N, C-alpha and C. Protein backbone atom coordinates (compact mmCIF):
# COMPACT_ATOMS: atom_id res chain seq x y z
N MET A 1 -49.24 -5.12 -18.77
CA MET A 1 -49.69 -5.68 -17.52
C MET A 1 -48.93 -5.05 -16.35
N ARG A 2 -47.67 -4.67 -16.57
CA ARG A 2 -46.85 -4.15 -15.48
C ARG A 2 -47.46 -2.91 -14.83
N LEU A 3 -47.76 -1.93 -15.64
CA LEU A 3 -48.20 -0.65 -15.09
C LEU A 3 -49.61 -0.69 -14.51
N PRO A 4 -50.55 -1.41 -15.11
CA PRO A 4 -51.84 -1.54 -14.43
C PRO A 4 -51.72 -2.22 -13.06
N LEU A 5 -50.82 -3.18 -12.94
CA LEU A 5 -50.62 -3.82 -11.62
C LEU A 5 -50.03 -2.81 -10.64
N LEU A 6 -49.08 -2.00 -11.08
CA LEU A 6 -48.54 -0.97 -10.21
C LEU A 6 -49.63 0.01 -9.77
N ALA A 7 -50.51 0.36 -10.71
CA ALA A 7 -51.60 1.28 -10.38
C ALA A 7 -52.50 0.69 -9.29
N LEU A 8 -52.83 -0.58 -9.41
CA LEU A 8 -53.68 -1.21 -8.39
C LEU A 8 -52.96 -1.29 -7.04
N LEU A 9 -51.65 -1.55 -7.08
CA LEU A 9 -50.89 -1.62 -5.83
C LEU A 9 -50.70 -0.23 -5.21
N ALA A 10 -50.83 0.83 -6.00
CA ALA A 10 -50.77 2.18 -5.44
C ALA A 10 -51.96 2.43 -4.54
N LYS A 11 -53.06 1.77 -4.82
CA LYS A 11 -54.26 1.91 -4.00
C LYS A 11 -54.08 1.18 -2.67
N GLU A 12 -53.61 -0.10 -2.76
CA GLU A 12 -53.42 -0.89 -1.54
C GLU A 12 -52.63 -2.15 -1.87
N PRO A 13 -51.90 -2.67 -0.88
CA PRO A 13 -51.18 -3.93 -1.10
C PRO A 13 -52.17 -5.05 -1.43
N ALA A 14 -51.69 -6.03 -2.18
CA ALA A 14 -52.58 -7.13 -2.58
C ALA A 14 -51.75 -8.33 -3.00
N HIS A 15 -52.41 -9.49 -3.06
CA HIS A 15 -51.77 -10.67 -3.62
C HIS A 15 -52.30 -10.88 -5.03
N GLY A 16 -51.71 -11.81 -5.75
CA GLY A 16 -52.00 -12.00 -7.17
C GLY A 16 -53.47 -12.18 -7.50
N TYR A 17 -54.16 -13.03 -6.76
CA TYR A 17 -55.58 -13.27 -7.07
C TYR A 17 -56.42 -12.03 -6.83
N GLU A 18 -56.08 -11.24 -5.81
CA GLU A 18 -56.80 -10.00 -5.57
C GLU A 18 -56.58 -9.02 -6.74
N LEU A 19 -55.37 -9.00 -7.27
CA LEU A 19 -55.08 -8.12 -8.40
C LEU A 19 -55.85 -8.56 -9.64
N LYS A 20 -55.92 -9.86 -9.86
CA LYS A 20 -56.70 -10.39 -11.00
C LYS A 20 -58.16 -9.97 -10.87
N GLN A 21 -58.73 -10.15 -9.68
CA GLN A 21 -60.13 -9.77 -9.46
C GLN A 21 -60.32 -8.27 -9.62
N ALA A 22 -59.37 -7.48 -9.14
CA ALA A 22 -59.48 -6.03 -9.25
C ALA A 22 -59.46 -5.59 -10.72
N LEU A 23 -58.60 -6.20 -11.53
CA LEU A 23 -58.58 -5.88 -12.97
C LEU A 23 -59.92 -6.22 -13.60
N GLU A 24 -60.45 -7.39 -13.28
CA GLU A 24 -61.74 -7.82 -13.86
C GLU A 24 -62.87 -6.89 -13.41
N GLN A 25 -62.88 -6.51 -12.16
CA GLN A 25 -63.94 -5.63 -11.66
C GLN A 25 -63.80 -4.21 -12.19
N THR A 26 -62.58 -3.75 -12.32
CA THR A 26 -62.34 -2.38 -12.77
C THR A 26 -62.71 -2.19 -14.23
N PHE A 27 -62.28 -3.13 -15.08
CA PHE A 27 -62.48 -2.96 -16.51
C PHE A 27 -63.71 -3.65 -17.06
N GLY A 28 -64.34 -4.49 -16.28
CA GLY A 28 -65.59 -5.10 -16.70
C GLY A 28 -65.42 -6.24 -17.69
N SER A 29 -66.53 -6.66 -18.20
CA SER A 29 -66.58 -7.85 -19.03
C SER A 29 -65.94 -7.67 -20.41
N ALA A 30 -65.74 -6.45 -20.85
CA ALA A 30 -65.18 -6.22 -22.18
C ALA A 30 -63.68 -6.43 -22.20
N TYR A 31 -63.04 -6.34 -21.06
CA TYR A 31 -61.59 -6.47 -20.99
C TYR A 31 -61.23 -7.93 -20.84
N PRO A 32 -60.29 -8.44 -21.64
CA PRO A 32 -59.93 -9.86 -21.52
C PRO A 32 -59.45 -10.18 -20.10
N SER A 33 -59.97 -11.24 -19.54
CA SER A 33 -59.59 -11.65 -18.20
C SER A 33 -58.11 -12.02 -18.18
N PRO A 34 -57.36 -11.42 -17.26
CA PRO A 34 -55.92 -11.71 -17.22
C PRO A 34 -55.64 -13.13 -16.73
N ASN A 35 -54.58 -13.70 -17.21
CA ASN A 35 -54.15 -15.03 -16.80
C ASN A 35 -53.40 -14.90 -15.47
N ILE A 36 -53.79 -15.69 -14.48
CA ILE A 36 -53.18 -15.58 -13.15
C ILE A 36 -51.68 -15.87 -13.21
N GLY A 37 -51.27 -16.78 -14.08
CA GLY A 37 -49.85 -17.07 -14.22
C GLY A 37 -49.09 -15.86 -14.72
N GLN A 38 -49.66 -15.14 -15.67
CA GLN A 38 -49.03 -13.94 -16.20
C GLN A 38 -48.92 -12.88 -15.10
N ILE A 39 -49.93 -12.79 -14.25
CA ILE A 39 -49.89 -11.81 -13.16
C ILE A 39 -48.73 -12.12 -12.22
N TYR A 40 -48.60 -13.40 -11.83
CA TYR A 40 -47.52 -13.75 -10.90
C TYR A 40 -46.13 -13.61 -11.54
N VAL A 41 -46.01 -13.93 -12.81
CA VAL A 41 -44.73 -13.74 -13.50
C VAL A 41 -44.39 -12.24 -13.53
N THR A 42 -45.38 -11.43 -13.85
CA THR A 42 -45.17 -9.99 -13.90
C THR A 42 -44.81 -9.44 -12.53
N LEU A 43 -45.50 -9.90 -11.49
CA LEU A 43 -45.16 -9.45 -10.13
C LEU A 43 -43.73 -9.83 -9.77
N GLY A 44 -43.30 -11.01 -10.16
CA GLY A 44 -41.93 -11.43 -9.91
C GLY A 44 -40.92 -10.51 -10.60
N ARG A 45 -41.23 -10.13 -11.83
CA ARG A 45 -40.33 -9.22 -12.56
C ARG A 45 -40.33 -7.82 -11.93
N LEU A 46 -41.52 -7.38 -11.52
CA LEU A 46 -41.60 -6.07 -10.87
C LEU A 46 -40.79 -6.05 -9.57
N GLU A 47 -40.84 -7.16 -8.85
CA GLU A 47 -40.08 -7.26 -7.61
C GLU A 47 -38.58 -7.27 -7.92
N LYS A 48 -38.19 -8.03 -8.92
CA LYS A 48 -36.78 -8.08 -9.32
C LYS A 48 -36.28 -6.70 -9.73
N ASP A 49 -37.15 -5.92 -10.38
CA ASP A 49 -36.79 -4.57 -10.82
C ASP A 49 -36.88 -3.53 -9.70
N GLY A 50 -37.32 -3.94 -8.51
CA GLY A 50 -37.39 -3.03 -7.37
C GLY A 50 -38.62 -2.13 -7.36
N LEU A 51 -39.61 -2.44 -8.18
CA LEU A 51 -40.81 -1.60 -8.25
C LEU A 51 -41.87 -2.03 -7.24
N VAL A 52 -41.80 -3.28 -6.79
CA VAL A 52 -42.67 -3.77 -5.72
C VAL A 52 -41.81 -4.61 -4.78
N ARG A 53 -42.33 -4.82 -3.59
CA ARG A 53 -41.71 -5.78 -2.68
C ARG A 53 -42.83 -6.64 -2.14
N SER A 54 -42.47 -7.79 -1.61
CA SER A 54 -43.49 -8.70 -1.11
C SER A 54 -43.15 -9.17 0.29
N VAL A 55 -44.20 -9.58 0.99
CA VAL A 55 -44.05 -10.22 2.30
C VAL A 55 -44.95 -11.44 2.31
N ASP A 56 -44.50 -12.47 2.99
CA ASP A 56 -45.34 -13.66 3.16
C ASP A 56 -46.27 -13.42 4.34
N VAL A 57 -47.54 -13.68 4.12
CA VAL A 57 -48.54 -13.53 5.17
C VAL A 57 -49.06 -14.91 5.53
N GLU A 58 -48.96 -15.24 6.81
CA GLU A 58 -49.42 -16.55 7.27
C GLU A 58 -50.94 -16.58 7.28
N GLN A 59 -51.48 -17.75 6.92
CA GLN A 59 -52.92 -17.99 6.97
C GLN A 59 -53.14 -19.25 7.79
N SER A 60 -54.21 -19.28 8.53
CA SER A 60 -54.40 -20.40 9.46
C SER A 60 -54.68 -21.73 8.77
N ASN A 61 -55.60 -21.81 7.88
CA ASN A 61 -55.96 -23.09 7.28
C ASN A 61 -55.57 -23.21 5.81
N ARG A 62 -54.69 -22.34 5.37
CA ARG A 62 -54.26 -22.36 3.97
C ARG A 62 -52.76 -22.07 3.91
N PRO A 63 -52.17 -22.30 2.73
CA PRO A 63 -50.76 -21.95 2.59
C PRO A 63 -50.58 -20.43 2.74
N ASN A 64 -49.38 -20.03 3.09
CA ASN A 64 -49.07 -18.60 3.18
C ASN A 64 -49.33 -17.94 1.84
N LYS A 65 -49.66 -16.66 1.89
CA LYS A 65 -49.82 -15.92 0.64
C LYS A 65 -48.80 -14.80 0.60
N LYS A 66 -48.42 -14.42 -0.60
CA LYS A 66 -47.44 -13.36 -0.80
C LYS A 66 -48.22 -12.09 -1.14
N VAL A 67 -48.04 -11.07 -0.32
CA VAL A 67 -48.70 -9.78 -0.53
C VAL A 67 -47.67 -8.80 -1.06
N TYR A 68 -48.05 -8.08 -2.10
CA TYR A 68 -47.14 -7.16 -2.78
C TYR A 68 -47.46 -5.71 -2.41
N PHE A 69 -46.40 -4.91 -2.26
CA PHE A 69 -46.50 -3.50 -1.93
C PHE A 69 -45.75 -2.71 -2.99
N LEU A 70 -46.23 -1.53 -3.28
CA LEU A 70 -45.55 -0.63 -4.21
C LEU A 70 -44.37 0.02 -3.51
N THR A 71 -43.22 0.08 -4.15
CA THR A 71 -42.05 0.77 -3.60
C THR A 71 -42.05 2.22 -4.10
N ALA A 72 -41.13 3.01 -3.57
CA ALA A 72 -41.00 4.39 -4.04
C ALA A 72 -40.63 4.42 -5.53
N ASP A 73 -39.74 3.51 -5.94
CA ASP A 73 -39.40 3.43 -7.37
C ASP A 73 -40.61 3.02 -8.21
N GLY A 74 -41.43 2.15 -7.66
CA GLY A 74 -42.65 1.74 -8.35
C GLY A 74 -43.62 2.89 -8.50
N ARG A 75 -43.76 3.69 -7.46
CA ARG A 75 -44.64 4.86 -7.53
C ARG A 75 -44.12 5.86 -8.56
N GLU A 76 -42.80 6.04 -8.61
CA GLU A 76 -42.21 6.95 -9.59
C GLU A 76 -42.46 6.44 -11.02
N ALA A 77 -42.29 5.14 -11.24
CA ALA A 77 -42.55 4.56 -12.57
C ALA A 77 -44.02 4.74 -12.95
N LEU A 78 -44.90 4.56 -11.99
CA LEU A 78 -46.33 4.73 -12.24
C LEU A 78 -46.65 6.18 -12.58
N GLU A 79 -46.10 7.11 -11.82
CA GLU A 79 -46.34 8.53 -12.10
C GLU A 79 -45.81 8.93 -13.47
N ASN A 80 -44.64 8.40 -13.85
CA ASN A 80 -44.09 8.68 -15.18
C ASN A 80 -45.02 8.15 -16.27
N TRP A 81 -45.55 6.94 -16.06
CA TRP A 81 -46.46 6.34 -17.03
C TRP A 81 -47.72 7.19 -17.20
N VAL A 82 -48.28 7.63 -16.10
CA VAL A 82 -49.51 8.42 -16.15
C VAL A 82 -49.25 9.77 -16.82
N ASP A 83 -48.07 10.35 -16.58
CA ASP A 83 -47.75 11.67 -17.14
C ASP A 83 -47.42 11.65 -18.63
N GLU A 84 -47.00 10.49 -19.16
CA GLU A 84 -46.60 10.42 -20.57
C GLU A 84 -47.82 10.22 -21.46
N PRO A 85 -47.86 10.94 -22.58
CA PRO A 85 -48.96 10.69 -23.53
C PRO A 85 -48.87 9.27 -24.08
N THR A 86 -50.00 8.72 -24.42
CA THR A 86 -50.06 7.38 -25.00
C THR A 86 -49.82 7.49 -26.50
N GLU A 87 -49.19 6.46 -27.06
CA GLU A 87 -48.90 6.44 -28.49
C GLU A 87 -50.15 6.75 -29.30
N GLY A 88 -49.95 7.46 -30.35
CA GLY A 88 -51.05 7.80 -31.25
C GLY A 88 -51.08 6.86 -32.44
N PRO A 89 -51.47 7.37 -33.57
CA PRO A 89 -51.57 6.54 -34.78
C PRO A 89 -50.24 5.89 -35.14
N ARG A 90 -50.35 4.72 -35.74
CA ARG A 90 -49.15 3.97 -36.13
C ARG A 90 -48.76 4.35 -37.56
N VAL A 91 -47.56 4.84 -37.71
CA VAL A 91 -47.07 5.16 -39.04
C VAL A 91 -46.53 3.89 -39.70
N ARG A 92 -45.95 3.02 -38.92
CA ARG A 92 -45.45 1.75 -39.44
C ARG A 92 -46.54 0.69 -39.28
N ASP A 93 -47.53 0.78 -40.11
CA ASP A 93 -48.65 -0.15 -40.06
C ASP A 93 -48.30 -1.41 -40.85
N GLU A 94 -48.40 -2.55 -40.21
CA GLU A 94 -48.02 -3.81 -40.85
C GLU A 94 -48.87 -4.11 -42.09
N PHE A 95 -50.18 -3.89 -41.99
CA PHE A 95 -51.04 -4.14 -43.15
C PHE A 95 -50.61 -3.25 -44.32
N PHE A 96 -50.32 -1.99 -44.05
CA PHE A 96 -49.94 -1.09 -45.14
C PHE A 96 -48.64 -1.54 -45.80
N MET A 97 -47.71 -2.05 -44.99
CA MET A 97 -46.47 -2.58 -45.56
C MET A 97 -46.78 -3.74 -46.51
N LYS A 98 -47.68 -4.63 -46.10
CA LYS A 98 -48.08 -5.74 -46.97
C LYS A 98 -48.72 -5.20 -48.24
N LEU A 99 -49.59 -4.21 -48.08
CA LEU A 99 -50.33 -3.65 -49.20
C LEU A 99 -49.39 -3.03 -50.24
N VAL A 100 -48.35 -2.39 -49.80
CA VAL A 100 -47.42 -1.74 -50.71
C VAL A 100 -46.42 -2.74 -51.29
N LEU A 101 -45.90 -3.63 -50.45
CA LEU A 101 -44.83 -4.52 -50.89
C LEU A 101 -45.29 -5.77 -51.63
N ALA A 102 -46.44 -6.32 -51.26
CA ALA A 102 -46.86 -7.60 -51.85
C ALA A 102 -46.97 -7.54 -53.38
N PRO A 103 -47.61 -6.53 -53.95
CA PRO A 103 -47.69 -6.50 -55.42
C PRO A 103 -46.33 -6.29 -56.09
N LEU A 104 -45.44 -5.58 -55.43
CA LEU A 104 -44.11 -5.36 -56.00
C LEU A 104 -43.33 -6.66 -56.13
N THR A 105 -43.61 -7.58 -55.21
CA THR A 105 -42.91 -8.86 -55.21
C THR A 105 -43.71 -9.93 -55.94
N GLY A 106 -44.94 -9.61 -56.30
CA GLY A 106 -45.78 -10.57 -57.02
C GLY A 106 -46.41 -11.64 -56.14
N ILE A 107 -46.40 -11.45 -54.83
CA ILE A 107 -46.96 -12.50 -53.95
C ILE A 107 -48.42 -12.28 -53.59
N ALA A 108 -48.96 -11.10 -53.90
CA ALA A 108 -50.37 -10.87 -53.57
C ALA A 108 -50.92 -9.73 -54.40
N ASP A 109 -52.23 -9.73 -54.52
CA ASP A 109 -52.97 -8.69 -55.22
C ASP A 109 -53.48 -7.69 -54.17
N ARG A 110 -53.36 -6.41 -54.46
CA ARG A 110 -53.79 -5.40 -53.48
C ARG A 110 -55.28 -5.53 -53.14
N MET A 111 -56.11 -5.73 -54.13
CA MET A 111 -57.55 -5.82 -53.86
C MET A 111 -57.87 -7.02 -52.98
N ALA A 112 -57.18 -8.12 -53.21
CA ALA A 112 -57.38 -9.31 -52.37
C ALA A 112 -56.98 -9.02 -50.92
N LEU A 113 -55.86 -8.32 -50.76
CA LEU A 113 -55.42 -7.96 -49.41
C LEU A 113 -56.43 -7.04 -48.73
N ILE A 114 -56.90 -6.04 -49.45
CA ILE A 114 -57.88 -5.10 -48.88
C ILE A 114 -59.15 -5.83 -48.50
N ASN A 115 -59.63 -6.70 -49.37
CA ASN A 115 -60.87 -7.43 -49.07
C ASN A 115 -60.71 -8.36 -47.87
N ARG A 116 -59.57 -9.02 -47.77
CA ARG A 116 -59.33 -9.92 -46.63
C ARG A 116 -59.28 -9.11 -45.33
N GLN A 117 -58.60 -7.97 -45.37
CA GLN A 117 -58.50 -7.13 -44.17
C GLN A 117 -59.87 -6.56 -43.81
N ARG A 118 -60.65 -6.16 -44.80
CA ARG A 118 -61.99 -5.63 -44.56
C ARG A 118 -62.87 -6.69 -43.90
N ARG A 119 -62.82 -7.93 -44.41
CA ARG A 119 -63.61 -9.01 -43.79
C ARG A 119 -63.20 -9.23 -42.34
N HIS A 120 -61.90 -9.15 -42.10
CA HIS A 120 -61.40 -9.31 -40.73
C HIS A 120 -61.94 -8.21 -39.82
N TYR A 121 -61.85 -6.96 -40.26
CA TYR A 121 -62.36 -5.84 -39.45
C TYR A 121 -63.85 -5.96 -39.22
N LEU A 122 -64.60 -6.35 -40.26
CA LEU A 122 -66.05 -6.50 -40.10
C LEU A 122 -66.40 -7.62 -39.12
N SER A 123 -65.62 -8.68 -39.14
CA SER A 123 -65.82 -9.77 -38.18
C SER A 123 -65.56 -9.27 -36.75
N LEU A 124 -64.50 -8.51 -36.58
CA LEU A 124 -64.21 -7.94 -35.26
C LEU A 124 -65.32 -6.98 -34.82
N MET A 125 -65.84 -6.22 -35.77
CA MET A 125 -66.93 -5.28 -35.48
C MET A 125 -68.17 -6.03 -35.01
N ARG A 126 -68.49 -7.14 -35.68
CA ARG A 126 -69.65 -7.96 -35.25
C ARG A 126 -69.43 -8.51 -33.84
N ASP A 127 -68.21 -8.97 -33.56
CA ASP A 127 -67.90 -9.48 -32.23
C ASP A 127 -68.08 -8.40 -31.17
N LEU A 128 -67.63 -7.19 -31.48
CA LEU A 128 -67.79 -6.09 -30.53
C LEU A 128 -69.25 -5.72 -30.33
N THR A 129 -70.02 -5.74 -31.39
CA THR A 129 -71.45 -5.44 -31.29
C THR A 129 -72.14 -6.47 -30.40
N GLU A 130 -71.82 -7.74 -30.60
CA GLU A 130 -72.39 -8.79 -29.75
C GLU A 130 -71.96 -8.63 -28.30
N LEU A 131 -70.71 -8.28 -28.10
CA LEU A 131 -70.21 -8.07 -26.74
C LEU A 131 -70.94 -6.91 -26.08
N ALA A 132 -71.16 -5.83 -26.82
CA ALA A 132 -71.87 -4.67 -26.28
C ALA A 132 -73.30 -5.05 -25.89
N GLU A 133 -73.93 -5.89 -26.70
CA GLU A 133 -75.30 -6.31 -26.40
C GLU A 133 -75.37 -7.18 -25.16
N ARG A 134 -74.31 -7.94 -24.89
CA ARG A 134 -74.28 -8.81 -23.71
C ARG A 134 -73.81 -8.08 -22.44
N THR A 135 -73.26 -6.89 -22.61
CA THR A 135 -72.69 -6.16 -21.48
C THR A 135 -73.78 -5.44 -20.71
N ASP A 136 -73.68 -5.50 -19.41
CA ASP A 136 -74.62 -4.81 -18.52
C ASP A 136 -74.60 -3.32 -18.84
N PRO A 137 -75.76 -2.71 -19.09
CA PRO A 137 -75.81 -1.28 -19.42
C PRO A 137 -75.19 -0.38 -18.34
N GLY A 138 -75.13 -0.87 -17.11
CA GLY A 138 -74.53 -0.10 -16.04
C GLY A 138 -73.01 -0.19 -16.00
N ASP A 139 -72.44 -1.06 -16.80
CA ASP A 139 -70.99 -1.25 -16.82
C ASP A 139 -70.38 -0.25 -17.79
N ARG A 140 -70.31 1.01 -17.37
CA ARG A 140 -69.87 2.10 -18.24
C ARG A 140 -68.43 1.93 -18.71
N VAL A 141 -67.56 1.40 -17.86
CA VAL A 141 -66.16 1.23 -18.27
C VAL A 141 -66.07 0.25 -19.43
N ALA A 142 -66.75 -0.88 -19.32
CA ALA A 142 -66.72 -1.88 -20.39
C ALA A 142 -67.33 -1.31 -21.67
N LEU A 143 -68.43 -0.60 -21.54
CA LEU A 143 -69.08 -0.05 -22.73
C LEU A 143 -68.22 1.01 -23.40
N LEU A 144 -67.50 1.81 -22.62
CA LEU A 144 -66.59 2.79 -23.23
C LEU A 144 -65.42 2.11 -23.92
N LEU A 145 -64.93 1.05 -23.33
CA LEU A 145 -63.85 0.28 -23.96
C LEU A 145 -64.31 -0.30 -25.30
N ILE A 146 -65.51 -0.87 -25.32
CA ILE A 146 -66.08 -1.43 -26.55
C ILE A 146 -66.30 -0.32 -27.58
N GLU A 147 -66.82 0.82 -27.14
CA GLU A 147 -67.07 1.92 -28.06
C GLU A 147 -65.76 2.42 -28.68
N GLY A 148 -64.72 2.54 -27.86
CA GLY A 148 -63.43 2.99 -28.38
C GLY A 148 -62.88 2.03 -29.42
N ALA A 149 -62.97 0.73 -29.14
CA ALA A 149 -62.49 -0.27 -30.09
C ALA A 149 -63.30 -0.21 -31.38
N THR A 150 -64.60 -0.01 -31.25
CA THR A 150 -65.48 0.06 -32.42
C THR A 150 -65.14 1.28 -33.28
N LEU A 151 -64.90 2.41 -32.64
CA LEU A 151 -64.55 3.62 -33.38
C LEU A 151 -63.21 3.47 -34.10
N HIS A 152 -62.25 2.81 -33.45
CA HIS A 152 -60.96 2.55 -34.11
C HIS A 152 -61.15 1.65 -35.33
N LEU A 153 -61.99 0.62 -35.18
CA LEU A 153 -62.25 -0.27 -36.32
C LEU A 153 -62.93 0.47 -37.45
N GLN A 154 -63.88 1.34 -37.12
CA GLN A 154 -64.56 2.11 -38.16
C GLN A 154 -63.57 3.00 -38.90
N ALA A 155 -62.66 3.61 -38.17
CA ALA A 155 -61.63 4.43 -38.82
C ALA A 155 -60.75 3.56 -39.72
N ASP A 156 -60.41 2.36 -39.26
CA ASP A 156 -59.61 1.45 -40.09
C ASP A 156 -60.37 1.05 -41.35
N LEU A 157 -61.65 0.82 -41.23
CA LEU A 157 -62.46 0.49 -42.42
C LEU A 157 -62.50 1.66 -43.39
N ASP A 158 -62.65 2.87 -42.88
CA ASP A 158 -62.65 4.06 -43.74
C ASP A 158 -61.31 4.21 -44.45
N TRP A 159 -60.23 3.93 -43.71
CA TRP A 159 -58.89 4.03 -44.28
C TRP A 159 -58.69 2.98 -45.38
N LEU A 160 -59.25 1.79 -45.20
CA LEU A 160 -59.17 0.77 -46.25
C LEU A 160 -59.83 1.26 -47.53
N GLU A 161 -60.94 1.96 -47.39
CA GLU A 161 -61.62 2.54 -48.56
C GLU A 161 -60.69 3.51 -49.26
N ARG A 162 -59.99 4.33 -48.49
CA ARG A 162 -59.04 5.28 -49.07
C ARG A 162 -57.92 4.57 -49.80
N CYS A 163 -57.40 3.51 -49.17
CA CYS A 163 -56.33 2.73 -49.81
C CYS A 163 -56.82 2.15 -51.12
N GLN A 164 -58.03 1.64 -51.13
CA GLN A 164 -58.59 1.06 -52.34
C GLN A 164 -58.72 2.13 -53.43
N GLU A 165 -59.22 3.30 -53.06
CA GLU A 165 -59.38 4.38 -54.03
C GLU A 165 -58.05 4.84 -54.62
N ASP A 166 -57.03 4.93 -53.78
CA ASP A 166 -55.76 5.49 -54.22
C ASP A 166 -54.78 4.48 -54.80
N LEU A 167 -54.86 3.22 -54.39
CA LEU A 167 -53.83 2.25 -54.78
C LEU A 167 -54.30 1.18 -55.74
N VAL A 168 -55.60 0.95 -55.81
CA VAL A 168 -56.09 -0.11 -56.68
C VAL A 168 -56.62 0.53 -57.96
N THR A 169 -56.03 0.14 -59.08
CA THR A 169 -56.45 0.73 -60.35
C THR A 169 -57.14 -0.29 -61.21
């Protein structure tokens, strides 16, 4: 949440509700709507870390609002984030640890674990398919997000097949 908020503040100063709306508008219906409380907690931490600063803006018929601005340190943190490659595949996969360790300890059967994980992935795949069907065809950002998640799930399902072939006798 920290760095996307910094990115939005790089465009223009804003208060918490404006940032929430900007995230929702930018990423579309496929992206989970951020919790306003989480946004304000994150902004407070960013301010404490010197990455943003705030000013109180008076409003005539409402309480004052706090508007946040990106600092030079915040811009540097944002530029570093954009320049760094994003993590790739996970070598320390939690499911794989369960798959390897559970039979050694006698607490689970590998085939049962694979089948449970497969059902979970297929359920997530159905949810994504339904979400894609409900998404406005013009909302390209949301559709790309859904497509990326779907492709990752398909790769995970293919990998489960490999695990079954190699580990289940």
